[in-house]
N, C-alpha and C. Protein backbone atom coordinates (compact mmCIF):
# COMPACT_ATOMS: atom_id res chain seq x y z
N MET A 1 53.13 -116.20 103.47
CA MET A 1 52.91 -115.31 104.49
C MET A 1 54.27 -114.84 105.10
N SER A 2 54.40 -113.71 105.56
CA SER A 2 55.57 -113.18 106.11
C SER A 2 55.35 -112.16 107.36
N PRO A 3 56.23 -111.83 108.15
CA PRO A 3 56.04 -110.97 109.29
C PRO A 3 55.42 -109.63 108.71
N ALA A 4 55.53 -109.22 107.44
CA ALA A 4 55.11 -108.10 106.92
C ALA A 4 53.67 -108.12 106.56
N ASP A 5 53.06 -109.41 106.49
CA ASP A 5 51.61 -109.47 106.32
C ASP A 5 50.80 -108.92 107.48
N PRO A 6 49.46 -108.55 107.15
CA PRO A 6 48.63 -108.06 108.30
C PRO A 6 48.26 -109.30 109.28
N ASP A 7 47.73 -108.81 110.28
CA ASP A 7 47.17 -109.88 111.39
C ASP A 7 46.14 -110.80 110.66
N MET A 8 46.16 -112.13 111.04
CA MET A 8 45.17 -113.04 110.66
C MET A 8 44.01 -113.04 111.80
N LEU A 9 42.87 -112.99 111.50
CA LEU A 9 41.91 -112.88 112.61
C LEU A 9 41.04 -114.21 112.52
N ALA A 10 40.67 -114.84 113.73
CA ALA A 10 39.89 -115.79 113.72
C ALA A 10 38.53 -115.34 114.11
N MET A 11 37.42 -115.32 113.11
CA MET A 11 36.16 -114.67 113.34
C MET A 11 35.24 -115.90 113.87
N PRO A 12 34.78 -115.81 115.07
CA PRO A 12 33.90 -116.83 115.65
C PRO A 12 32.50 -116.95 114.75
N ASP A 13 32.17 -118.30 114.57
CA ASP A 13 30.93 -118.57 113.89
C ASP A 13 29.96 -119.05 115.03
N ALA A 14 29.08 -118.04 115.33
CA ALA A 14 28.06 -118.49 116.46
C ALA A 14 27.18 -119.54 116.26
N ASP A 15 26.98 -120.03 114.92
CA ASP A 15 26.27 -121.26 114.68
C ASP A 15 26.78 -122.52 115.12
N THR A 16 28.09 -122.50 115.45
CA THR A 16 28.84 -123.69 115.94
C THR A 16 29.03 -123.83 117.45
N LEU A 17 28.42 -122.81 118.09
CA LEU A 17 28.54 -122.87 119.53
C LEU A 17 28.10 -124.12 120.23
N VAL A 18 28.97 -124.99 121.05
CA VAL A 18 28.61 -126.06 121.73
C VAL A 18 28.95 -126.00 123.18
N ARG A 19 28.07 -126.39 123.98
CA ARG A 19 28.34 -126.22 125.48
C ARG A 19 29.29 -127.51 125.82
N LEU A 20 30.43 -127.31 126.55
CA LEU A 20 31.38 -128.46 126.94
C LEU A 20 30.76 -129.32 127.82
N PRO A 21 30.57 -130.53 127.63
CA PRO A 21 29.82 -131.39 128.69
C PRO A 21 30.61 -131.48 130.10
N TRP A 22 31.96 -131.32 130.17
CA TRP A 22 32.71 -131.43 131.39
C TRP A 22 32.72 -130.02 132.00
N ALA A 23 32.29 -129.05 131.44
CA ALA A 23 32.28 -127.58 132.05
C ALA A 23 31.05 -126.86 131.54
N LYS A 24 29.92 -127.14 132.20
CA LYS A 24 28.61 -126.57 131.67
C LYS A 24 28.52 -125.15 131.56
N ASP A 25 29.38 -124.27 132.12
CA ASP A 25 29.39 -122.90 131.97
C ASP A 25 30.45 -122.46 130.95
N MET A 26 30.89 -123.37 130.07
CA MET A 26 31.90 -123.00 129.07
C MET A 26 31.39 -123.53 127.76
N GLY A 27 31.70 -122.84 126.69
CA GLY A 27 31.45 -123.39 125.28
C GLY A 27 32.68 -123.40 124.42
N TRP A 28 32.40 -124.07 123.34
CA TRP A 28 33.39 -124.09 122.20
C TRP A 28 32.85 -123.50 120.90
N VAL A 29 33.54 -122.75 120.26
CA VAL A 29 32.96 -122.24 118.97
C VAL A 29 34.07 -122.40 117.78
N ALA A 30 33.80 -122.72 116.76
CA ALA A 30 34.73 -122.83 115.53
C ALA A 30 34.84 -121.37 115.11
N SER A 31 36.02 -121.05 114.26
CA SER A 31 36.26 -119.70 113.73
C SER A 31 36.63 -119.81 112.33
N ASN A 32 36.34 -118.86 111.47
CA ASN A 32 36.87 -118.68 110.16
C ASN A 32 37.84 -117.65 110.15
N LEU A 33 38.90 -118.05 109.43
CA LEU A 33 40.18 -117.24 109.31
C LEU A 33 39.99 -116.00 108.20
N GLU A 34 40.21 -114.77 108.63
CA GLU A 34 40.30 -113.59 107.75
C GLU A 34 41.55 -112.85 107.79
N ILE A 35 41.94 -112.16 106.81
CA ILE A 35 42.97 -111.17 106.64
C ILE A 35 42.43 -109.94 105.97
N ARG A 36 42.57 -108.90 106.49
CA ARG A 36 42.09 -107.66 105.89
C ARG A 36 40.57 -107.58 105.51
N GLY A 37 39.90 -108.25 106.42
CA GLY A 37 38.50 -108.27 106.17
C GLY A 37 37.94 -109.29 105.21
N GLN A 38 38.77 -110.12 104.58
CA GLN A 38 38.53 -110.95 103.54
C GLN A 38 38.93 -112.38 104.06
N GLU A 39 38.01 -113.27 103.54
CA GLU A 39 38.13 -114.79 103.97
C GLU A 39 39.62 -115.15 103.49
N PHE A 40 40.31 -115.93 104.36
CA PHE A 40 41.69 -116.43 104.08
C PHE A 40 41.44 -117.81 103.33
N GLN A 41 41.77 -117.73 102.06
CA GLN A 41 41.40 -118.84 101.20
C GLN A 41 41.99 -120.26 101.80
N GLN A 42 43.12 -120.11 102.35
CA GLN A 42 43.67 -121.44 102.86
C GLN A 42 43.29 -121.90 104.19
N GLY A 43 42.33 -120.98 104.85
CA GLY A 43 41.92 -121.48 106.16
C GLY A 43 41.05 -122.91 105.96
N PRO A 44 41.36 -123.67 106.96
CA PRO A 44 40.60 -125.03 106.84
C PRO A 44 39.09 -124.98 106.70
N ARG A 45 38.42 -124.31 107.38
CA ARG A 45 36.92 -124.13 107.26
C ARG A 45 36.66 -123.43 105.91
N ASN A 46 37.28 -122.61 105.48
CA ASN A 46 37.04 -121.70 104.20
C ASN A 46 37.35 -122.82 103.04
N VAL A 47 38.35 -123.55 103.13
CA VAL A 47 38.54 -124.73 102.12
C VAL A 47 37.56 -125.61 102.06
N LEU A 48 37.05 -126.14 103.13
CA LEU A 48 36.04 -127.19 103.29
C LEU A 48 34.66 -126.57 102.72
N ARG A 49 34.36 -125.45 103.04
CA ARG A 49 33.21 -124.76 102.57
C ARG A 49 33.27 -124.63 101.03
N LYS A 50 34.29 -124.27 100.51
CA LYS A 50 34.30 -124.19 99.01
C LYS A 50 34.26 -125.58 98.42
N LEU A 51 34.88 -126.46 98.92
CA LEU A 51 34.98 -128.01 98.40
C LEU A 51 33.45 -128.38 98.45
N LEU A 52 32.80 -128.16 99.62
CA LEU A 52 31.38 -128.61 99.78
C LEU A 52 30.50 -128.04 98.61
N GLY A 53 30.66 -126.68 98.42
CA GLY A 53 29.83 -126.13 97.29
C GLY A 53 30.19 -126.53 96.02
N ASP A 54 31.47 -126.75 95.69
CA ASP A 54 31.82 -127.36 94.28
C ASP A 54 31.35 -128.74 94.12
N LEU A 55 31.47 -129.60 95.14
CA LEU A 55 30.76 -130.97 94.91
C LEU A 55 29.28 -130.89 94.76
N SER A 56 28.65 -130.13 95.54
CA SER A 56 27.32 -130.03 95.35
C SER A 56 26.71 -129.39 94.06
N GLU A 57 27.39 -128.37 93.59
CA GLU A 57 27.04 -127.69 92.24
C GLU A 57 27.31 -128.59 91.08
N SER A 58 28.61 -129.03 91.12
CA SER A 58 29.10 -129.73 89.85
C SER A 58 28.63 -131.25 89.76
N ARG A 59 28.50 -131.87 90.88
CA ARG A 59 27.98 -133.21 90.68
C ARG A 59 26.78 -133.61 91.55
N GLY A 60 26.24 -132.82 92.39
CA GLY A 60 25.06 -133.13 93.27
C GLY A 60 25.49 -134.12 94.32
N TRP A 61 26.75 -133.98 94.72
CA TRP A 61 27.28 -134.94 95.85
C TRP A 61 27.03 -134.23 97.19
N THR A 62 26.92 -135.06 98.21
CA THR A 62 26.95 -134.48 99.55
C THR A 62 28.15 -135.21 100.19
N LEU A 63 29.12 -134.42 100.80
CA LEU A 63 30.17 -134.70 101.51
C LEU A 63 29.90 -135.10 102.98
N LYS A 64 30.39 -136.19 103.48
CA LYS A 64 30.17 -136.68 104.86
C LYS A 64 31.57 -136.86 105.44
N THR A 65 31.88 -136.21 106.47
CA THR A 65 33.14 -136.38 107.13
C THR A 65 33.10 -136.36 108.58
N GLY A 66 34.25 -136.66 109.19
CA GLY A 66 34.21 -136.78 110.67
C GLY A 66 35.58 -136.23 111.17
N VAL A 67 35.79 -136.20 112.45
CA VAL A 67 37.05 -135.90 113.04
C VAL A 67 37.46 -136.95 113.92
N GLU A 68 38.79 -137.20 113.82
CA GLU A 68 39.58 -138.11 114.41
C GLU A 68 40.43 -137.39 115.54
N CYS A 69 39.97 -137.46 116.70
CA CYS A 69 40.70 -136.73 117.76
C CYS A 69 41.78 -137.72 118.33
N GLU A 70 43.01 -137.33 118.50
CA GLU A 70 44.04 -138.03 119.05
C GLU A 70 44.61 -137.29 120.28
N PHE A 71 45.16 -138.16 121.16
CA PHE A 71 45.70 -137.47 122.28
C PHE A 71 46.81 -138.65 122.93
N PHE A 72 47.68 -138.13 123.71
CA PHE A 72 48.58 -138.97 124.48
C PHE A 72 48.57 -138.82 125.95
N LEU A 73 48.44 -140.03 126.66
CA LEU A 73 48.57 -139.92 128.07
C LEU A 73 49.91 -140.27 128.51
N ILE A 74 50.45 -139.31 129.31
CA ILE A 74 51.85 -139.54 129.77
C ILE A 74 51.81 -139.41 131.16
N SER A 75 52.40 -140.30 131.92
CA SER A 75 52.36 -140.42 133.45
C SER A 75 53.38 -139.31 133.92
N PRO A 76 53.20 -138.71 134.97
CA PRO A 76 54.09 -137.68 135.58
C PRO A 76 55.42 -138.24 135.79
N ASP A 77 55.65 -139.56 135.99
CA ASP A 77 56.91 -139.94 136.22
C ASP A 77 57.65 -140.62 134.81
N ALA A 78 57.03 -140.45 133.79
CA ALA A 78 57.45 -140.80 132.37
C ALA A 78 57.66 -142.25 132.21
N SER A 79 56.96 -143.04 133.01
CA SER A 79 57.00 -144.47 132.79
C SER A 79 56.06 -144.93 131.77
């Protein structure tokens, strides 16, 4: 990709809407990446969807995965 490429759009997937437990009036939604109205093949959700289909069709397997969220807590005084 270069600056000459068209804009990449994040298209929301309404089926993934989740209400945030710490802000009941807000939600989170995952998005699929597109360029020129076409699925961006290297987009993480697009890659995963393709792999899930390939595993299911070729081997009859079901992939189970999870997310490992990481964060750092830093005190205001840097101690």
